[in-house]
Amino acid sequence: MNLKLRLSAAFALSFLCAAAFGALALFVRVSQINRFDSTVIRLVQSMESPSMTAVMKLFSFVGSGAVIAFLVPVIAFCLYRVLGHRRELVLFVGVVIGSALLNWGLKAVFHRARPTIHRIVEATGYSFPSGHSMSAFTLYGIIAFLLWRHTSPASSRIALIAFSSAMIVAIGLSRIYLGVHYPSDVLGGYLASGSWLAIAIWVYQKDDPNPNKIKLPSPSHP
């Protein structure tokens, strides 16, 4: 895919995610999505068991702010010292920080209370959109994008996308299972993050001096 098509695709994806988020937010505002939320929550929580709860708590912890705060500098260090690509470091840090600020702003706008159907763990703050879901989509999405640029075998790229997708879905699902978010919160987090991530990638690719080159790390790089 040439640069023009990639830019068009990224911009279109950002617009579609933003439009879908707007529609979802409207449904949340007028309480027209309650039946969907209740149905999905009952379905997900019907899988409840001690072992499943332990797994879901683990994924929820992996998507928590504390773990994200630990992973971000580690990944940033690898990008700067191991791969040596400063533009990718700026993109990575900017996307993660921007996602956190966007989530804070959206929650302040919507003021949605958390669900009370069956709360397995406690959580504070507003519910829409899910911060865990936004963080997961942003973090694993941008990691997948950056590593894709340094990976050439198709099998490695497939494994990368599969892992990133699995982590995003598992973290979002864990928040529904634990009773601290509505499914629409999780979906809203994915859409908001998807729009933000796509527009950030659009800006990055627009100014990329070598857009068509697969960049492999150089062993001799200091």
C-alpha atoms as a PDB file:
ATOM      1  CA  MET A   1       0.000   0.000   0.000  1.00  0.00           C
ATOM      2  CA  ASN A   2       1.496   3.353  -1.018  1.00  0.00           C
ATOM      3  CA  LEU A   3       1.700   6.348   1.288  1.00  0.00           C
ATOM      4  CA  LYS A   4      -1.340   8.135  -0.133  1.00  0.00           C
ATOM      5  CA  LEU A   5      -3.575   5.109   0.393  1.00  0.00           C
ATOM      6  CA  ARG A   6      -2.265   4.555   3.920  1.00  0.00           C
ATOM      7  CA  LEU A   7      -2.913   8.169   4.832  1.00  0.00           C
ATOM      8  CA  SER A   8      -6.414   7.988   3.394  1.00  0.00           C
ATOM      9  CA  ALA A   9      -7.113   4.751   5.253  1.00  0.00           C
ATOM     10  CA  ALA A  10      -5.847   6.121   8.580  1.00  0.00           C
ATOM     11  CA  PHE A  11      -7.871   9.320   8.246  1.00  0.00           C
ATOM     12  CA  ALA A  12     -11.011   7.427   7.211  1.00  0.00           C
ATOM     13  CA  LEU A  13     -10.610   5.013  10.126  1.00  0.00           C
ATOM     14  CA  SER A  14     -10.220   7.894  12.564  1.00  0.00           C
ATOM     15  CA  PHE A  15     -13.360   9.553  11.222  1.00  0.00           C
ATOM     16  CA  LEU A  16     -15.402   6.336  11.331  1.00  0.00           C
ATOM     17  CA  CYS A  17     -14.339   5.574  14.911  1.00  0.00           C
ATOM     18  CA  ALA A  18     -15.152   9.128  15.976  1.00  0.00           C
ATOM     19  CA  ALA A  19     -18.569   8.973  14.298  1.00  0.00           C
ATOM     20  CA  ALA A  20     -19.326   5.601  15.877  1.00  0.00           C
ATOM     21  CA  PHE A  21     -18.257   6.917  19.275  1.00  0.00           C
ATOM     22  CA  GLY A  22     -20.535   9.919  18.846  1.00  0.00           C
ATOM     23  CA  ALA A  23     -23.490   7.677  18.027  1.00  0.00           C
ATOM     24  CA  LEU A  24     -22.734   5.407  20.977  1.00  0.00           C
ATOM     25  CA  ALA A  25     -22.368   8.390  23.318  1.00  0.00           C
ATOM     26  CA  LEU A  26     -25.777   9.657  22.204  1.00  0.00           C
ATOM     27  CA  PHE A  27     -27.360   6.299  23.033  1.00  0.00           C
ATOM     28  CA  VAL A  28     -25.664   6.341  26.427  1.00  0.00           C
ATOM     29  CA  ARG A  29     -26.914   9.881  27.088  1.00  0.00           C
ATOM     30  CA  VAL A  30     -30.545   9.001  26.401  1.00  0.00           C
ATOM     31  CA  SER A  31     -30.305   5.580  28.116  1.00  0.00           C
ATOM     32  CA  GLN A  32     -31.185   3.690  24.939  1.00  0.00           C
ATOM     33  CA  ILE A  33     -28.465   1.098  25.379  1.00  0.00           C
ATOM     34  CA  ASN A  34     -29.405  -0.276  28.800  1.00  0.00           C
ATOM     35  CA  ARG A  35     -30.904  -3.508  27.482  1.00  0.00           C
ATOM     36  CA  PHE A  36     -27.782  -4.244  25.453  1.00  0.00           C
ATOM     37  CA  ASP A  37     -25.554  -3.564  28.457  1.00  0.00           C
ATOM     38  CA  SER A  38     -27.603  -5.703  30.833  1.00  0.00           C
ATOM     39  CA  THR A  39     -27.772  -8.614  28.397  1.00  0.00           C
ATOM     40  CA  VAL A  40     -24.032  -8.659  27.747  1.00  0.00           C
ATOM     41  CA  ILE A  41     -23.180  -8.282  31.439  1.00  0.00           C
ATOM     42  CA  ARG A  42     -25.377 -11.258  32.358  1.00  0.00           C
ATOM     43  CA  LEU A  43     -23.836 -13.307  29.556  1.00  0.00           C
ATOM     44  CA  VAL A  44     -20.257 -12.508  30.557  1.00  0.00           C
ATOM     45  CA  GLN A  45     -20.850 -12.927  34.278  1.00  0.00           C
ATOM     46  CA  SER A  46     -22.573 -16.275  33.701  1.00  0.00           C
ATOM     47  CA  MET A  47     -19.015 -17.639  33.268  1.00  0.00           C
ATOM     48  CA  GLU A  48     -18.173 -16.709  36.856  1.00  0.00           C
ATOM     49  CA  SER A  49     -16.007 -19.149  38.788  1.00  0.00           C
ATOM     50  CA  PRO A  50     -13.073 -18.776  41.197  1.00  0.00           C
ATOM     51  CA  SER A  51     -10.521 -19.587  38.489  1.00  0.00           C
ATOM     52  CA  MET A  52     -12.163 -17.302  35.919  1.00  0.00           C
ATOM     53  CA  THR A  53     -12.297 -14.489  38.463  1.00  0.00           C
ATOM     54  CA  ALA A  54      -8.575 -14.896  39.140  1.00  0.00           C
ATOM     55  CA  VAL A  55      -7.811 -14.719  35.400  1.00  0.00           C
ATOM     56  CA  MET A  56      -9.991 -11.663  34.901  1.00  0.00           C
ATOM     57  CA  LYS A  57      -8.441  -9.901  37.880  1.00  0.00           C
ATOM     58  CA  LEU A  58      -5.033 -10.570  36.346  1.00  0.00           C
ATOM     59  CA  PHE A  59      -5.995  -9.045  32.995  1.00  0.00           C
ATOM     60  CA  SER A  60      -7.607  -6.099  34.754  1.00  0.00           C
ATOM     61  CA  PHE A  61      -4.378  -5.549  36.692  1.00  0.00           C
ATOM     62  CA  VAL A  62      -2.315  -5.738  33.496  1.00  0.00           C
ATOM     63  CA  GLY A  63      -4.474  -2.961  32.075  1.00  0.00           C
ATOM     64  CA  SER A  64      -4.289  -0.818  35.210  1.00  0.00           C
ATOM     65  CA  GLY A  65      -2.635   2.567  35.413  1.00  0.00           C
ATOM     66  CA  ALA A  66       0.184   1.232  37.586  1.00  0.00           C
ATOM     67  CA  VAL A  67       1.214  -1.394  35.046  1.00  0.00           C
ATOM     68  CA  ILE A  68       0.831   1.002  32.112  1.00  0.00           C
ATOM     69  CA  ALA A  69       2.981   3.528  33.964  1.00  0.00           C
ATOM     70  CA  PHE A  70       5.650   0.834  34.346  1.00  0.00           C
ATOM     71  CA  LEU A  71       5.472  -0.412  30.755  1.00  0.00           C
ATOM     72  CA  VAL A  72       5.588   2.982  29.048  1.00  0.00           C
ATOM     73  CA  PRO A  73       9.120   4.001  30.165  1.00  0.00           C
ATOM     74  CA  VAL A  74      10.413   0.475  29.533  1.00  0.00           C
ATOM     75  CA  ILE A  75       9.073   0.466  25.980  1.00  0.00           C
ATOM     76  CA  ALA A  76      10.228   4.056  25.450  1.00  0.00           C
ATOM     77  CA  PHE A  77      13.731   3.062  26.576  1.00  0.00           C
ATOM     78  CA  CYS A  78      13.762   0.180  24.075  1.00  0.00           C
ATOM     79  CA  LEU A  79      12.651   2.468  21.260  1.00  0.00           C
ATOM     80  CA  TYR A  80      15.310   5.032  22.057  1.00  0.00           C
ATOM     81  CA  ARG A  81      18.306   2.907  23.068  1.00  0.00           C
ATOM     82  CA  VAL A  82      17.767  -0.384  21.227  1.00  0.00           C
ATOM     83  CA  LEU A  83      16.064   0.687  18.006  1.00  0.00           C
ATOM     84  CA  GLY A  84      17.330   4.255  18.075  1.00  0.00           C
ATOM     85  CA  HIS A  85      14.273   5.794  16.413  1.00  0.00           C
ATOM     86  CA  ARG A  86      13.482   9.090  18.117  1.00  0.00           C
ATOM     87  CA  ARG A  87      10.430   9.824  15.952  1.00  0.00           C
ATOM     88  CA  GLU A  88       8.862   6.565  17.072  1.00  0.00           C
ATOM     89  CA  LEU A  89       9.609   7.461  20.688  1.00  0.00           C
ATOM     90  CA  VAL A  90       7.799  10.780  20.293  1.00  0.00           C
ATOM     91  CA  LEU A  91       4.842   9.043  18.631  1.00  0.00           C
ATOM     92  CA  PHE A  92       4.649   6.385  21.332  1.00  0.00           C
ATOM     93  CA  VAL A  93       4.822   8.751  24.300  1.00  0.00           C
ATOM     94  CA  GLY A  94       2.514  11.299  22.680  1.00  0.00           C
ATOM     95  CA  VAL A  95      -0.145   8.714  21.853  1.00  0.00           C
ATOM     96  CA  VAL A  96      -0.159   7.209  25.351  1.00  0.00           C
ATOM     97  CA  ILE A  97      -0.297  10.562  27.144  1.00  0.00           C
ATOM     98  CA  GLY A  98      -2.885  11.890  24.725  1.00  0.00           C
ATOM     99  CA  SER A  99      -5.088   8.847  25.267  1.00  0.00           C
ATOM    100  CA  ALA A 100      -5.005   9.299  29.048  1.00  0.00           C
ATOM    101  CA  LEU A 101      -5.919  12.982  28.753  1.00  0.00           C
ATOM    102  CA  LEU A 102      -8.691  12.201  26.275  1.00  0.00           C
ATOM    103  CA  ASN A 103     -10.176   9.598  28.609  1.00  0.00           C
ATOM    104  CA  TRP A 104     -10.090  12.011  31.528  1.00  0.00           C
ATOM    105  CA  GLY A 105     -11.828  14.684  29.475  1.00  0.00           C
ATOM    106  CA  LEU A 106     -14.532  12.360  28.136  1.00  0.00           C
ATOM    107  CA  LYS A 107     -15.334  10.987  31.578  1.00  0.00           C
ATOM    108  CA  ALA A 108     -15.632  14.537  32.882  1.00  0.00           C
ATOM    109  CA  VAL A 109     -18.123  15.302  30.109  1.00  0.00           C
ATOM    110  CA  PHE A 110     -20.373  12.244  30.441  1.00  0.00           C
ATOM    111  CA  HIS A 111     -20.343  11.660  34.229  1.00  0.00           C
ATOM    112  CA  ARG A 112     -21.724   8.137  33.838  1.00  0.00           C
ATOM    113  CA  ALA A 113     -21.996   6.110  37.051  1.00  0.00           C
ATOM    114  CA  ARG A 114     -20.578   2.609  37.153  1.00  0.00           C
ATOM    115  CA  PRO A 115     -22.854  -0.453  36.927  1.00  0.00           C
ATOM    116  CA  THR A 116     -24.276  -2.025  40.068  1.00  0.00           C
ATOM    117  CA  ILE A 117     -25.695  -5.286  38.658  1.00  0.00           C
ATOM    118  CA  HIS A 118     -23.045  -7.547  40.189  1.00  0.00           C
ATOM    119  CA  ARG A 119     -19.838  -5.908  41.399  1.00  0.00           C
ATOM    120  CA  ILE A 120     -17.011  -8.413  41.950  1.00  0.00           C
ATOM    121  CA  VAL A 121     -14.382  -5.754  42.674  1.00  0.00           C
ATOM    122  CA  GLU A 122     -14.665  -2.107  43.622  1.00  0.00           C
ATOM    123  CA  ALA A 123     -13.708   0.828  41.434  1.00  0.00           C
ATOM    124  CA  THR A 124     -14.078   4.578  41.707  1.00  0.00           C
ATOM    125  CA  GLY A 125     -14.569   7.358  39.188  1.00  0.00           C
ATOM    126  CA  TYR A 126     -16.861   7.669  36.213  1.00  0.00           C
ATOM    127  CA  SER A 127     -17.608   4.817  33.866  1.00  0.00           C
ATOM    128  CA  PHE A 128     -17.801   6.067  30.253  1.00  0.00           C
ATOM    129  CA  PRO A 129     -15.579   5.461  28.401  1.00  0.00           C
ATOM    130  CA  SER A 130     -13.542   2.719  30.056  1.00  0.00           C
ATOM    131  CA  GLY A 131     -10.038   3.899  30.916  1.00  0.00           C
ATOM    132  CA  HIS A 132      -8.675   0.343  30.924  1.00  0.00           C
ATOM    133  CA  SER A 133     -10.079  -0.259  27.438  1.00  0.00           C
ATOM    134  CA  MET A 134      -8.693   2.992  26.076  1.00  0.00           C
ATOM    135  CA  SER A 135      -5.268   2.364  27.606  1.00  0.00           C
ATOM    136  CA  ALA A 136      -5.152  -1.213  26.313  1.00  0.00           C
ATOM    137  CA  PHE A 137      -6.220  -0.283  22.789  1.00  0.00           C
ATOM    138  CA  THR A 138      -3.779   2.605  22.661  1.00  0.00           C
ATOM    139  CA  LEU A 139      -0.796   0.797  24.178  1.00  0.00           C
ATOM    140  CA  TYR A 140      -1.052  -2.502  22.330  1.00  0.00           C
ATOM    141  CA  GLY A 141      -2.260  -0.800  19.169  1.00  0.00           C
ATOM    142  CA  ILE A 142       0.724   1.536  18.966  1.00  0.00           C
ATOM    143  CA  ILE A 143       3.117  -1.281  19.916  1.00  0.00           C
ATOM    144  CA  ALA A 144       1.701  -3.390  17.079  1.00  0.00           C
ATOM    145  CA  PHE A 145       2.080  -0.502  14.630  1.00  0.00           C
ATOM    146  CA  LEU A 146       5.673   0.263  15.614  1.00  0.00           C
ATOM    147  CA  LEU A 147       6.870  -3.358  15.731  1.00  0.00           C
ATOM    148  CA  TRP A 148       5.116  -4.086  12.427  1.00  0.00           C
ATOM    149  CA  ARG A 149       7.506  -1.593  10.848  1.00  0.00           C
ATOM    150  CA  HIS A 150      10.486  -3.632  12.087  1.00  0.00           C
ATOM    151  CA  THR A 151       9.077  -7.067  11.225  1.00  0.00           C
ATOM    152  CA  SER A 152       9.173  -8.679   7.797  1.00  0.00           C
ATOM    153  CA  PRO A 153       8.034 -12.347   8.075  1.00  0.00           C
ATOM    154  CA  ALA A 154       4.261 -12.655   7.637  1.00  0.00           C
ATOM    155  CA  SER A 155       4.047 -15.198  10.451  1.00  0.00           C
ATOM    156  CA  SER A 156       5.641 -12.758  12.899  1.00  0.00           C
ATOM    157  CA  ARG A 157       3.255 -10.010  11.868  1.00  0.00           C
ATOM    158  CA  ILE A 158       0.264 -12.313  12.292  1.00  0.00           C
ATOM    159  CA  ALA A 159       1.492 -13.325  15.764  1.00  0.00           C
ATOM    160  CA  LEU A 160       1.988  -9.658  16.667  1.00  0.00           C
ATOM    161  CA  ILE A 161      -1.541  -8.704  15.639  1.00  0.00           C
ATOM    162  CA  ALA A 162      -3.024 -11.769  17.347  1.00  0.00           C
ATOM    163  CA  PHE A 163      -1.250 -11.023  20.634  1.00  0.00           C
ATOM    164  CA  SER A 164      -2.172  -7.331  20.603  1.00  0.00           C
ATOM    165  CA  SER A 165      -5.806  -8.087  19.754  1.00  0.00           C
ATOM    166  CA  ALA A 166      -6.052 -10.752  22.445  1.00  0.00           C
ATOM    167  CA  MET A 167      -4.712  -8.391  25.117  1.00  0.00           C
ATOM    168  CA  ILE A 168      -7.087  -5.604  24.091  1.00  0.00           C
ATOM    169  CA  VAL A 169     -10.132  -7.890  24.124  1.00  0.00           C
ATOM    170  CA  ALA A 170      -9.155  -9.666  27.356  1.00  0.00           C
ATOM    171  CA  ILE A 171      -8.592  -6.439  29.289  1.00  0.00           C
ATOM    172  CA  GLY A 172     -11.896  -4.977  28.090  1.00  0.00           C
ATOM    173  CA  LEU A 173     -13.766  -8.209  28.847  1.00  0.00           C
ATOM    174  CA  SER A 174     -12.266  -8.345  32.337  1.00  0.00           C
ATOM    175  CA  ARG A 175     -13.827  -4.996  33.210  1.00  0.00           C
ATOM    176  CA  ILE A 176     -17.273  -6.246  32.213  1.00  0.00           C
ATOM    177  CA  TYR A 177     -16.799  -9.540  34.053  1.00  0.00           C
ATOM    178  CA  LEU A 178     -15.688  -7.789  37.254  1.00  0.00           C
ATOM    179  CA  GLY A 179     -18.766  -5.561  37.141  1.00  0.00           C
ATOM    180  CA  VAL A 180     -16.996  -2.206  37.023  1.00  0.00           C
ATOM    181  CA  HIS A 181     -17.905  -1.215  33.464  1.00  0.00           C
ATOM    182  CA  TYR A 182     -20.822  -1.521  31.099  1.00  0.00           C
ATOM    183  CA  PRO A 183     -20.113  -3.157  27.732  1.00  0.00           C
ATOM    184  CA  SER A 184     -20.860   0.203  26.113  1.00  0.00           C
ATOM    185  CA  ASP A 185     -18.109   1.724  28.284  1.00  0.00           C
ATOM    186  CA  VAL A 186     -15.627  -0.769  26.878  1.00  0.00           C
ATOM    187  CA  LEU A 187     -16.841  -0.305  23.312  1.00  0.00           C
ATOM    188  CA  GLY A 188     -16.692   3.462  23.762  1.00  0.00           C
ATOM    189  CA  GLY A 189     -13.111   3.167  25.011  1.00  0.00           C
ATOM    190  CA  TYR A 190     -12.121   1.149  21.959  1.00  0.00           C
ATOM    191  CA  LEU A 191     -13.734   3.621  19.553  1.00  0.00           C
ATOM    192  CA  ALA A 192     -12.311   6.725  21.222  1.00  0.00           C
ATOM    193  CA  SER A 193      -8.851   5.216  21.348  1.00  0.00           C
ATOM    194  CA  GLY A 194      -9.157   3.925  17.789  1.00  0.00           C
ATOM    195  CA  SER A 195      -9.961   7.397  16.520  1.00  0.00           C
ATOM    196  CA  TRP A 196      -7.101   8.989  18.468  1.00  0.00           C
ATOM    197  CA  LEU A 197      -4.607   6.306  17.456  1.00  0.00           C
ATOM    198  CA  ALA A 198      -5.550   6.450  13.776  1.00  0.00           C
ATOM    199  CA  ILE A 199      -5.189  10.222  13.555  1.00  0.00           C
ATOM    200  CA  ALA A 200      -1.844  10.082  15.388  1.00  0.00           C
ATOM    201  CA  ILE A 201      -0.577   7.458  12.937  1.00  0.00           C
ATOM    202  CA  TRP A 202      -1.876   9.593  10.065  1.00  0.00           C
ATOM    203  CA  VAL A 203       0.185  12.550  11.286  1.00  0.00           C
ATOM    204  CA  TYR A 204       3.239  10.325  11.815  1.00  0.00           C
ATOM    205  CA  GLN A 205       3.087   8.738   8.363  1.00  0.00           C
ATOM    206  CA  LYS A 206       2.399  12.064   6.710  1.00  0.00           C
ATOM    207  CA  ASP A 207       5.820  13.313   7.843  1.00  0.00           C
ATOM    208  CA  ASP A 208       7.672   9.989   7.587  1.00  0.00           C
ATOM    209  CA  PRO A 209      10.789  10.451   5.433  1.00  0.00           C
ATOM    210  CA  ASN A 210      10.933   6.707   4.557  1.00  0.00           C
ATOM    211  CA  PRO A 211       7.290   5.547   4.524  1.00  0.00           C
ATOM    212  CA  ASN A 212       7.790   2.437   2.403  1.00  0.00           C
ATOM    213  CA  LYS A 213      10.873   1.072   4.063  1.00  0.00           C
ATOM    214  CA  ILE A 214      10.770  -1.805   6.535  1.00  0.00           C
ATOM    215  CA  LYS A 215      13.054  -0.538   9.278  1.00  0.00           C
ATOM    216  CA  LEU A 216      15.087  -3.255  10.948  1.00  0.00           C
ATOM    217  CA  PRO A 217      17.245  -2.393  13.969  1.00  0.00           C
ATOM    218  CA  SER A 218      20.927  -2.120  13.214  1.00  0.00           C
ATOM    219  CA  PRO A 219      23.214  -4.246  15.426  1.00  0.00           C
ATOM    220  CA  SER A 220      25.881  -1.559  15.191  1.00  0.00           C
ATOM    221  CA  HIS A 221      23.630   1.232  16.423  1.00  0.00           C
ATOM    222  CA  PRO A 222      24.960   2.675  19.705  1.00  0.00           C
END
